[in-house]
Protein backbone atom coordinates (compact mmCIF):
# COMPACT_ATOMS: atom_id res chain seq x y z
CA MET A 1 16.19 62.07 -81.12
CA THR A 2 16.75 60.74 -84.48
CA THR A 3 20.44 60.10 -85.23
CA GLY A 4 20.28 58.98 -88.91
CA ARG A 5 21.12 61.07 -91.89
CA VAL A 6 18.41 62.67 -93.97
CA ILE A 7 18.94 61.68 -97.67
CA HIS A 8 16.26 61.19 -100.37
CA GLY A 9 16.39 60.11 -104.05
CA ARG A 10 14.24 60.87 -107.08
CA THR A 11 12.34 58.30 -109.07
CA GLU A 12 10.45 58.96 -112.40
CA SER A 13 7.19 60.10 -110.87
CA GLY A 14 8.15 60.87 -107.23
CA ASN A 15 10.53 61.35 -104.50
CA ARG A 16 11.61 58.34 -102.46
CA PHE A 17 12.55 58.28 -98.84
CA VAL A 18 14.10 55.04 -97.33
CA PHE A 19 13.68 54.42 -93.60
CA LEU A 20 15.58 51.59 -91.74
CA ILE A 21 14.15 50.95 -88.33
CA GLU A 22 15.28 48.22 -85.81
CA GLU A 23 12.57 45.53 -85.85
CA ASN A 24 12.93 45.40 -82.02
CA SER A 25 12.25 49.09 -81.55
CA GLU A 26 9.58 49.71 -78.79
CA ALA A 27 6.88 51.16 -81.27
CA ILE A 28 6.92 48.50 -83.96
CA ALA A 29 7.83 45.44 -81.66
CA CYS A 30 4.24 45.10 -80.59
CA LEU A 31 3.04 45.06 -84.28
CA ALA A 32 2.57 41.53 -85.67
CA ALA A 33 4.58 40.42 -88.74
CA PRO A 34 2.45 40.56 -91.87
CA THR A 35 0.64 37.41 -93.21
CA ARG A 36 0.54 38.69 -96.84
CA ALA A 37 3.01 40.08 -99.27
CA PHE A 38 1.53 43.60 -98.62
CA ARG A 39 -0.21 45.21 -95.70
CA ASP A 40 2.53 45.11 -93.12
CA PRO A 41 1.13 46.88 -90.05
CA VAL A 42 4.38 48.71 -89.74
CA GLY A 43 3.67 50.64 -92.98
CA LEU A 44 0.49 51.92 -91.78
CA PHE A 45 2.05 52.84 -88.43
CA ILE A 46 4.88 54.77 -90.03
CA LEU A 47 2.53 56.57 -92.53
CA ARG A 48 0.23 57.51 -89.71
CA GLN A 49 3.13 59.05 -87.82
CA LEU A 50 4.28 60.99 -90.83
CA ALA A 51 0.74 62.09 -91.71
CA SER A 52 0.20 63.56 -88.32
CA GLY A 53 3.40 65.58 -88.83
CA PHE A 54 2.25 66.81 -92.28
CA ARG A 55 -1.02 67.99 -90.50
CA ARG A 56 0.92 69.98 -87.88
CA ALA A 57 2.90 71.50 -90.80
CA GLY A 58 -0.31 72.78 -92.28
CA TYR A 59 -1.02 70.27 -94.99
CA ALA A 60 -4.41 68.67 -95.45
CA VAL A 61 -3.97 64.81 -95.35
CA SER A 62 -6.47 62.09 -95.72
CA GLU A 63 -6.54 59.28 -93.20
CA PRO A 64 -3.85 56.77 -94.08
CA ARG A 65 -5.10 53.30 -95.17
CA PRO A 66 -4.01 49.97 -96.65
CA ALA A 67 -4.15 50.03 -100.47
CA LYS A 68 -3.56 47.66 -103.45
CA ALA A 69 0.07 46.82 -104.04
CA CYS A 70 1.42 48.74 -101.13
CA ASP A 71 1.32 48.72 -97.36
CA ALA A 72 -0.26 52.15 -96.91
CA LEU A 73 -1.47 55.11 -98.74
CA CYS A 74 -2.73 58.58 -98.02
CA GLU A 75 -3.31 61.97 -100.13
CA ILE A 76 -1.45 65.14 -99.18
CA SER A 77 -2.95 68.42 -100.35
CA ALA A 78 -0.29 71.18 -100.57
CA PRO A 79 -1.09 74.65 -102.09
CA LYS A 80 -2.05 74.13 -105.65
CA LEU A 81 -0.91 70.57 -105.74
CA ARG A 82 -2.10 67.08 -104.61
CA LEU A 83 0.26 64.30 -103.75
CA PHE A 84 -0.06 60.75 -102.81
CA ALA A 85 2.17 59.21 -100.06
CA VAL A 86 2.74 55.52 -100.67
CA VAL A 87 4.69 53.23 -98.07
CA LEU A 88 6.21 49.79 -98.87
CA VAL A 89 7.71 47.67 -96.06
CA GLU A 90 9.98 44.74 -96.15
CA ARG A 91 11.67 43.19 -93.02
CA VAL A 92 15.35 42.09 -93.61
CA ASP A 93 17.98 41.01 -91.11
CA GLY A 94 16.23 42.35 -88.07
CA LYS A 95 15.32 45.65 -89.57
CA VAL A 96 12.21 47.20 -91.19
CA ARG A 97 13.00 48.83 -94.51
CA SER A 98 10.28 51.25 -95.14
CA ILE A 99 10.15 53.16 -98.40
CA LEU A 100 8.04 56.35 -98.65
CA GLU A 101 7.27 57.75 -102.14
CA LEU A 102 5.59 61.09 -102.78
CA ARG A 103 3.86 60.84 -106.04
CA LEU A 104 1.87 62.90 -108.28
CA PRO A 105 -1.48 61.78 -109.70
CA ARG A 106 -1.16 60.33 -113.12
CA ARG A 107 -3.23 63.00 -114.55
CA TRP A 108 -0.73 65.83 -113.42
CA ARG A 109 2.40 63.95 -114.97
CA ARG A 110 1.24 64.54 -118.56
CA GLY A 111 3.28 67.87 -118.76
CA PRO A 112 5.56 69.95 -116.64
CA LEU A 113 4.39 71.52 -113.38
CA SER A 114 3.81 75.20 -113.26
CA GLU A 115 6.22 77.21 -111.17
CA GLU A 116 3.72 77.37 -108.23
CA GLU A 117 3.15 73.59 -108.38
CA HIS A 118 6.87 72.95 -108.51
CA LYS A 119 7.48 75.13 -105.39
CA SER A 120 4.75 73.22 -103.48
CA TRP A 121 6.26 69.93 -104.49
CA VAL A 122 9.63 71.05 -103.38
CA ALA A 123 8.33 72.33 -100.19
CA ALA A 124 6.50 69.10 -99.36
CA CYS A 125 9.58 66.92 -100.26
CA ALA A 126 11.53 69.23 -97.95
CA GLN A 127 9.21 68.65 -95.09
CA VAL A 128 9.58 64.81 -95.00
CA PRO A 129 13.11 64.67 -93.22
CA VAL A 130 11.91 67.42 -90.69
CA ILE A 131 8.67 65.50 -90.15
CA ALA A 132 10.36 62.19 -89.87
CA ALA A 133 12.89 63.54 -87.29
CA GLU A 134 10.11 64.99 -85.25
CA CYS A 135 7.47 62.17 -85.62
CA LEU A 136 9.81 59.13 -85.37
CA ALA A 137 12.05 60.58 -82.77
CA GLY A 138 13.16 58.17 -80.20
CA GLU A 139 13.03 55.35 -82.69
CA SER A 140 16.12 53.69 -83.75
CA ILE A 141 15.71 55.13 -87.22
CA GLN A 142 18.23 55.57 -90.04
CA LEU A 143 17.10 57.37 -93.34
CA ASP A 144 19.19 55.93 -96.18
CA LEU A 145 19.21 56.22 -99.97
CA ALA A 146 20.48 52.80 -100.83
CA GLY A 147 17.66 51.11 -102.55
């Protein structure tokens, strides 16, 4: 089971969740270290795990993929709302620090969200700690706000 605390913070355009995973944990030890600044295979692995949890929670989720300026990206469709899940990874002191941001598409940030869109946003963000505990259970994972 996951033993870490579940904490998240807000950014200007989304919510940020920081995961610290031991680099020698079973699931990621077999993944090679990255050869470029972006596209660490751990980011794609983590986002695939979280995407499957969102699917089980009833969300429509695109297949996670590497993208420009991040390690992995996918689209999550909530009722009346579309979000992007972006993962960035860095390896520091034997740990993999993975940042998951749920972001709104640019065209939706021009004005305030409607009440229904806001409820969908809050519900999707509230699902992240639950899904992380379920999908990454058994990993040595700690959710942390220290950015």
